[in-house]
Amino acid sequence: MITVSVLYPRIEGGRFDFDYYVKVHMPMSIRLLGDAIKAVSVERGLASAEPGAPPAYVALCHFTCETQADFEGAFLPSAAELQGDMANYTDIAPVIQFNEIALTK
């Protein structure tokens, strides 16, 4: 199993509409990616480990899939629609990373 992490760094002056992301973009993503997605979580950054410091990321999304190929096979046909919607919720370029799940509880 893998996760695909989509991380939106906190950028001074950056815009991120978390409400739109959760209520509109993510339901669209889940619908378009279909059965390739086994689970998904969305998180809002709250703070850094240093007291009073802002979070490194304003939002994080983690898709769980069987394989990277499964995700890519579902994402690529929908990439233009999903990426085209980004302007509706952010001007921050996400950091995308594929991860192997080594342990879950």
N, C-alpha and C. Protein backbone atom coordinates (compact mmCIF):
# COMPACT_ATOMS: atom_id res chain seq x y z
N MET A 1 0.84 -1.17 0.00
CA MET A 1 0.00 0.00 0.00
C MET A 1 0.89 1.25 0.00
N ILE A 2 0.34 2.29 -0.60
CA ILE A 2 1.07 3.56 -0.66
C ILE A 2 0.13 4.69 -0.25
N THR A 3 0.72 5.81 0.05
CA THR A 3 -0.04 7.05 0.16
C THR A 3 0.54 8.03 -0.85
N VAL A 4 -0.34 8.89 -1.30
CA VAL A 4 0.06 10.02 -2.13
C VAL A 4 -0.23 11.25 -1.27
N SER A 5 0.81 11.95 -0.89
CA SER A 5 0.65 13.13 -0.05
C SER A 5 0.69 14.38 -0.93
N VAL A 6 -0.31 15.22 -0.75
CA VAL A 6 -0.38 16.51 -1.45
C VAL A 6 -0.31 17.56 -0.35
N LEU A 7 0.82 18.26 -0.30
CA LEU A 7 1.13 19.17 0.80
C LEU A 7 1.17 20.60 0.28
N TYR A 8 0.44 21.47 0.93
CA TYR A 8 0.39 22.88 0.54
C TYR A 8 1.19 23.70 1.55
N PRO A 9 2.41 24.11 1.20
CA PRO A 9 3.24 24.85 2.14
C PRO A 9 2.63 26.21 2.50
N ARG A 10 2.89 26.61 3.74
CA ARG A 10 2.47 27.96 4.15
C ARG A 10 3.40 28.94 3.46
N ILE A 11 2.83 29.79 2.65
CA ILE A 11 3.57 30.81 1.91
C ILE A 11 3.05 32.17 2.37
N GLU A 12 3.96 33.04 2.74
CA GLU A 12 3.54 34.39 3.15
C GLU A 12 2.74 35.02 2.02
N GLY A 13 1.52 35.44 2.30
CA GLY A 13 0.65 36.04 1.30
C GLY A 13 -0.08 35.03 0.44
N GLY A 14 0.16 33.73 0.65
CA GLY A 14 -0.51 32.70 -0.13
C GLY A 14 -1.98 32.60 0.25
N ARG A 15 -2.78 32.12 -0.70
CA ARG A 15 -4.22 31.99 -0.49
C ARG A 15 -4.60 30.51 -0.51
N PHE A 16 -5.38 30.09 0.49
CA PHE A 16 -5.91 28.73 0.51
C PHE A 16 -7.30 28.76 1.13
N ASP A 17 -8.31 28.39 0.33
CA ASP A 17 -9.70 28.36 0.79
C ASP A 17 -10.01 26.93 1.25
N PHE A 18 -9.82 26.69 2.54
CA PHE A 18 -9.97 25.34 3.08
C PHE A 18 -11.41 24.84 2.95
N ASP A 19 -12.37 25.71 3.13
CA ASP A 19 -13.78 25.34 3.01
C ASP A 19 -14.09 24.82 1.60
N TYR A 20 -13.65 25.53 0.58
CA TYR A 20 -13.85 25.10 -0.81
C TYR A 20 -13.13 23.78 -1.04
N TYR A 21 -11.92 23.66 -0.54
CA TYR A 21 -11.12 22.46 -0.74
C TYR A 21 -11.85 21.22 -0.20
N VAL A 22 -12.37 21.33 1.01
CA VAL A 22 -13.04 20.19 1.65
C VAL A 22 -14.42 19.91 1.06
N LYS A 23 -15.17 20.96 0.78
CA LYS A 23 -16.57 20.77 0.36
C LYS A 23 -16.76 20.59 -1.14
N VAL A 24 -15.83 21.07 -1.95
CA VAL A 24 -16.01 21.00 -3.41
C VAL A 24 -14.89 20.19 -4.08
N HIS A 25 -13.64 20.61 -3.86
CA HIS A 25 -12.54 19.97 -4.58
C HIS A 25 -12.34 18.51 -4.17
N MET A 26 -12.34 18.24 -2.89
CA MET A 26 -12.09 16.86 -2.46
C MET A 26 -13.21 15.90 -2.86
N PRO A 27 -14.49 16.25 -2.74
CA PRO A 27 -15.52 15.34 -3.26
C PRO A 27 -15.35 15.08 -4.76
N MET A 28 -14.97 16.11 -5.52
CA MET A 28 -14.72 15.93 -6.94
C MET A 28 -13.53 14.97 -7.15
N SER A 29 -12.46 15.15 -6.38
CA SER A 29 -11.28 14.28 -6.48
C SER A 29 -11.64 12.83 -6.18
N ILE A 30 -12.39 12.62 -5.12
CA ILE A 30 -12.78 11.26 -4.73
C ILE A 30 -13.64 10.62 -5.81
N ARG A 31 -14.55 11.38 -6.38
CA ARG A 31 -15.41 10.85 -7.45
C ARG A 31 -14.59 10.50 -8.68
N LEU A 32 -13.70 11.39 -9.09
CA LEU A 32 -12.92 11.17 -10.30
C LEU A 32 -11.88 10.05 -10.15
N LEU A 33 -11.30 9.92 -8.97
CA LEU A 33 -10.27 8.90 -8.76
C LEU A 33 -10.88 7.53 -8.46
N GLY A 34 -12.13 7.51 -8.06
CA GLY A 34 -12.89 6.27 -7.94
C GLY A 34 -12.26 5.20 -7.07
N ASP A 35 -12.32 3.97 -7.57
CA ASP A 35 -11.89 2.81 -6.79
C ASP A 35 -10.39 2.73 -6.57
N ALA A 36 -9.61 3.56 -7.24
CA ALA A 36 -8.16 3.58 -7.01
C ALA A 36 -7.85 4.08 -5.59
N ILE A 37 -8.78 4.85 -5.03
CA ILE A 37 -8.59 5.42 -3.69
C ILE A 37 -9.23 4.49 -2.66
N LYS A 38 -8.42 3.99 -1.74
CA LYS A 38 -8.91 3.12 -0.66
C LYS A 38 -9.31 3.93 0.57
N ALA A 39 -8.64 5.06 0.75
CA ALA A 39 -8.94 5.97 1.87
C ALA A 39 -8.35 7.32 1.53
N VAL A 40 -8.88 8.35 2.20
CA VAL A 40 -8.35 9.70 2.01
C VAL A 40 -8.50 10.45 3.33
N SER A 41 -7.51 11.28 3.63
CA SER A 41 -7.63 12.17 4.79
C SER A 41 -7.18 13.56 4.37
N VAL A 42 -7.82 14.55 4.94
CA VAL A 42 -7.47 15.95 4.70
C VAL A 42 -7.21 16.57 6.06
N GLU A 43 -6.12 17.30 6.15
CA GLU A 43 -5.73 17.91 7.42
C GLU A 43 -5.44 19.39 7.22
N ARG A 44 -5.75 20.17 8.24
CA ARG A 44 -5.44 21.60 8.24
C ARG A 44 -4.27 21.82 9.19
N GLY A 45 -3.21 22.47 8.73
CA GLY A 45 -2.08 22.76 9.58
C GLY A 45 -2.46 23.74 10.68
N LEU A 46 -2.06 23.44 11.91
CA LEU A 46 -2.40 24.30 13.04
C LEU A 46 -1.20 25.08 13.58
N ALA A 47 -0.10 24.42 13.78
CA ALA A 47 1.06 25.08 14.39
C ALA A 47 2.30 24.25 14.13
N SER A 48 3.43 24.86 14.36
CA SER A 48 4.71 24.17 14.29
C SER A 48 5.06 23.66 15.68
N ALA A 49 6.10 22.88 15.80
CA ALA A 49 6.52 22.37 17.11
C ALA A 49 7.02 23.49 18.01
N GLU A 50 7.55 24.54 17.40
CA GLU A 50 8.03 25.70 18.18
C GLU A 50 6.81 26.49 18.65
N PRO A 51 6.70 26.74 19.95
CA PRO A 51 5.53 27.48 20.46
C PRO A 51 5.32 28.80 19.73
N GLY A 52 4.11 29.02 19.28
CA GLY A 52 3.74 30.25 18.61
C GLY A 52 4.10 30.32 17.14
N ALA A 53 4.82 29.32 16.65
CA ALA A 53 5.24 29.33 15.23
C ALA A 53 4.11 28.79 14.35
N PRO A 54 3.95 29.37 13.17
CA PRO A 54 2.89 28.90 12.27
C PRO A 54 3.24 27.53 11.69
N PRO A 55 2.25 26.82 11.16
CA PRO A 55 2.52 25.49 10.58
C PRO A 55 3.37 25.60 9.31
N ALA A 56 4.08 24.54 9.01
CA ALA A 56 4.85 24.49 7.76
C ALA A 56 3.93 24.35 6.56
N TYR A 57 2.78 23.69 6.76
CA TYR A 57 1.81 23.45 5.68
C TYR A 57 0.45 23.93 6.12
N VAL A 58 -0.27 24.61 5.23
CA VAL A 58 -1.63 25.08 5.55
C VAL A 58 -2.64 23.96 5.39
N ALA A 59 -2.36 23.02 4.48
CA ALA A 59 -3.26 21.89 4.26
C ALA A 59 -2.46 20.69 3.76
N LEU A 60 -2.95 19.50 4.11
CA LEU A 60 -2.32 18.26 3.70
C LEU A 60 -3.43 17.29 3.30
N CYS A 61 -3.20 16.56 2.23
CA CYS A 61 -4.14 15.54 1.79
C CYS A 61 -3.34 14.26 1.57
N HIS A 62 -3.89 13.14 2.03
CA HIS A 62 -3.22 11.85 1.87
C HIS A 62 -4.21 10.86 1.28
N PHE A 63 -3.91 10.39 0.07
CA PHE A 63 -4.70 9.35 -0.58
C PHE A 63 -4.01 8.02 -0.32
N THR A 64 -4.75 7.01 0.08
CA THR A 64 -4.22 5.66 0.23
C THR A 64 -4.66 4.84 -0.97
N CYS A 65 -3.69 4.16 -1.60
CA CYS A 65 -3.94 3.35 -2.79
C CYS A 65 -3.15 2.05 -2.67
N GLU A 66 -3.53 1.07 -3.46
CA GLU A 66 -2.77 -0.18 -3.50
C GLU A 66 -1.36 0.06 -4.06
N THR A 67 -1.28 0.77 -5.20
CA THR A 67 0.01 1.01 -5.86
C THR A 67 0.06 2.42 -6.44
N GLN A 68 1.25 2.88 -6.72
CA GLN A 68 1.43 4.16 -7.38
C GLN A 68 0.80 4.11 -8.77
N ALA A 69 0.93 2.96 -9.45
CA ALA A 69 0.34 2.80 -10.79
C ALA A 69 -1.17 2.93 -10.74
N ASP A 70 -1.81 2.42 -9.68
CA ASP A 70 -3.27 2.57 -9.54
C ASP A 70 -3.65 4.05 -9.46
N PHE A 71 -2.91 4.79 -8.64
CA PHE A 71 -3.20 6.22 -8.51
C PHE A 71 -3.00 6.93 -9.84
N GLU A 72 -1.87 6.70 -10.46
CA GLU A 72 -1.56 7.38 -11.71
C GLU A 72 -2.58 7.02 -12.80
N GLY A 73 -3.01 5.76 -12.84
CA GLY A 73 -4.00 5.35 -13.82
C GLY A 73 -5.34 6.04 -13.65
N ALA A 74 -5.69 6.38 -12.41
CA ALA A 74 -6.93 7.10 -12.14
C ALA A 74 -6.74 8.61 -12.29
N PHE A 75 -5.58 9.11 -11.89
CA PHE A 75 -5.35 10.56 -11.89
C PHE A 75 -5.15 11.12 -13.29
N LEU A 76 -4.32 10.47 -14.08
CA LEU A 76 -3.92 11.06 -15.38
C LEU A 76 -5.11 11.41 -16.28
N PRO A 77 -6.14 10.58 -16.40
CA PRO A 77 -7.28 10.96 -17.24
C PRO A 77 -8.07 12.17 -16.69
N SER A 78 -7.93 12.43 -15.39
CA SER A 78 -8.67 13.52 -14.75
C SER A 78 -7.78 14.69 -14.37
N ALA A 79 -6.51 14.63 -14.72
CA ALA A 79 -5.55 15.64 -14.28
C ALA A 79 -5.95 17.06 -14.68
N ALA A 80 -6.38 17.24 -15.91
CA ALA A 80 -6.71 18.60 -16.37
C ALA A 80 -7.86 19.18 -15.56
N GLU A 81 -8.87 18.38 -15.29
CA GLU A 81 -10.03 18.87 -14.52
C GLU A 81 -9.63 19.17 -13.07
N LEU A 82 -8.88 18.28 -12.45
CA LEU A 82 -8.48 18.48 -11.06
C LEU A 82 -7.53 19.67 -10.93
N GLN A 83 -6.54 19.75 -11.79
CA GLN A 83 -5.59 20.85 -11.73
C GLN A 83 -6.24 22.17 -12.13
N GLY A 84 -7.21 22.11 -13.04
CA GLY A 84 -7.93 23.31 -13.44
C GLY A 84 -8.75 23.91 -12.32
N ASP A 85 -9.17 23.08 -11.36
CA ASP A 85 -9.97 23.56 -10.23
C ASP A 85 -9.11 24.22 -9.16
N MET A 86 -7.80 24.03 -9.21
CA MET A 86 -6.93 24.55 -8.16
C MET A 86 -7.05 26.06 -7.97
N ALA A 87 -7.22 26.79 -9.04
CA ALA A 87 -7.32 28.26 -8.95
C ALA A 87 -8.51 28.69 -8.10
N ASN A 88 -9.49 27.81 -7.95
CA ASN A 88 -10.67 28.13 -7.13
C ASN A 88 -10.38 28.10 -5.63
N TYR A 89 -9.29 27.44 -5.22
CA TYR A 89 -9.03 27.36 -3.78
C TYR A 89 -7.62 27.78 -3.36
N THR A 90 -6.67 27.88 -4.30
CA THR A 90 -5.32 28.24 -3.86
C THR A 90 -4.48 28.85 -4.98
N ASP A 91 -3.46 29.56 -4.56
CA ASP A 91 -2.42 30.02 -5.48
C ASP A 91 -1.07 29.42 -5.05
N ILE A 92 -1.13 28.42 -4.19
CA ILE A 92 0.07 27.76 -3.66
C ILE A 92 0.33 26.49 -4.46
N ALA A 93 1.55 26.33 -4.96
CA ALA A 93 1.93 25.10 -5.67
C ALA A 93 2.13 23.98 -4.64
N PRO A 94 1.43 22.87 -4.79
CA PRO A 94 1.58 21.79 -3.81
C PRO A 94 2.87 21.01 -4.01
N VAL A 95 3.31 20.39 -2.93
CA VAL A 95 4.39 19.42 -2.95
C VAL A 95 3.71 18.06 -2.96
N ILE A 96 4.03 17.22 -3.95
CA ILE A 96 3.39 15.91 -4.07
C ILE A 96 4.45 14.85 -3.87
N GLN A 97 4.13 13.87 -3.02
CA GLN A 97 5.08 12.83 -2.70
C GLN A 97 4.37 11.48 -2.61
N PHE A 98 4.99 10.44 -3.18
CA PHE A 98 4.50 9.06 -3.04
C PHE A 98 5.24 8.42 -1.88
N ASN A 99 4.51 7.67 -1.04
CA ASN A 99 5.09 7.08 0.16
C ASN A 99 4.67 5.62 0.27
N GLU A 100 5.58 4.79 0.71
CA GLU A 100 5.24 3.40 1.03
C GLU A 100 4.79 3.34 2.48
N ILE A 101 3.65 2.70 2.72
CA ILE A 101 3.17 2.54 4.09
C ILE A 101 3.96 1.42 4.75
N ALA A 102 4.69 1.75 5.79
CA ALA A 102 5.53 0.77 6.48
C ALA A 102 4.86 0.25 7.75
N LEU A 103 3.95 1.05 8.33
CA LEU A 103 3.31 0.66 9.59
C LEU A 103 2.01 1.43 9.73
N THR A 104 0.97 0.76 10.13
CA THR A 104 -0.28 1.42 10.50
C THR A 104 -0.79 0.78 11.78
N LYS A 105 -1.61 1.48 12.48
CA LYS A 105 -2.21 0.94 13.71
C LYS A 105 -3.68 1.22 13.67
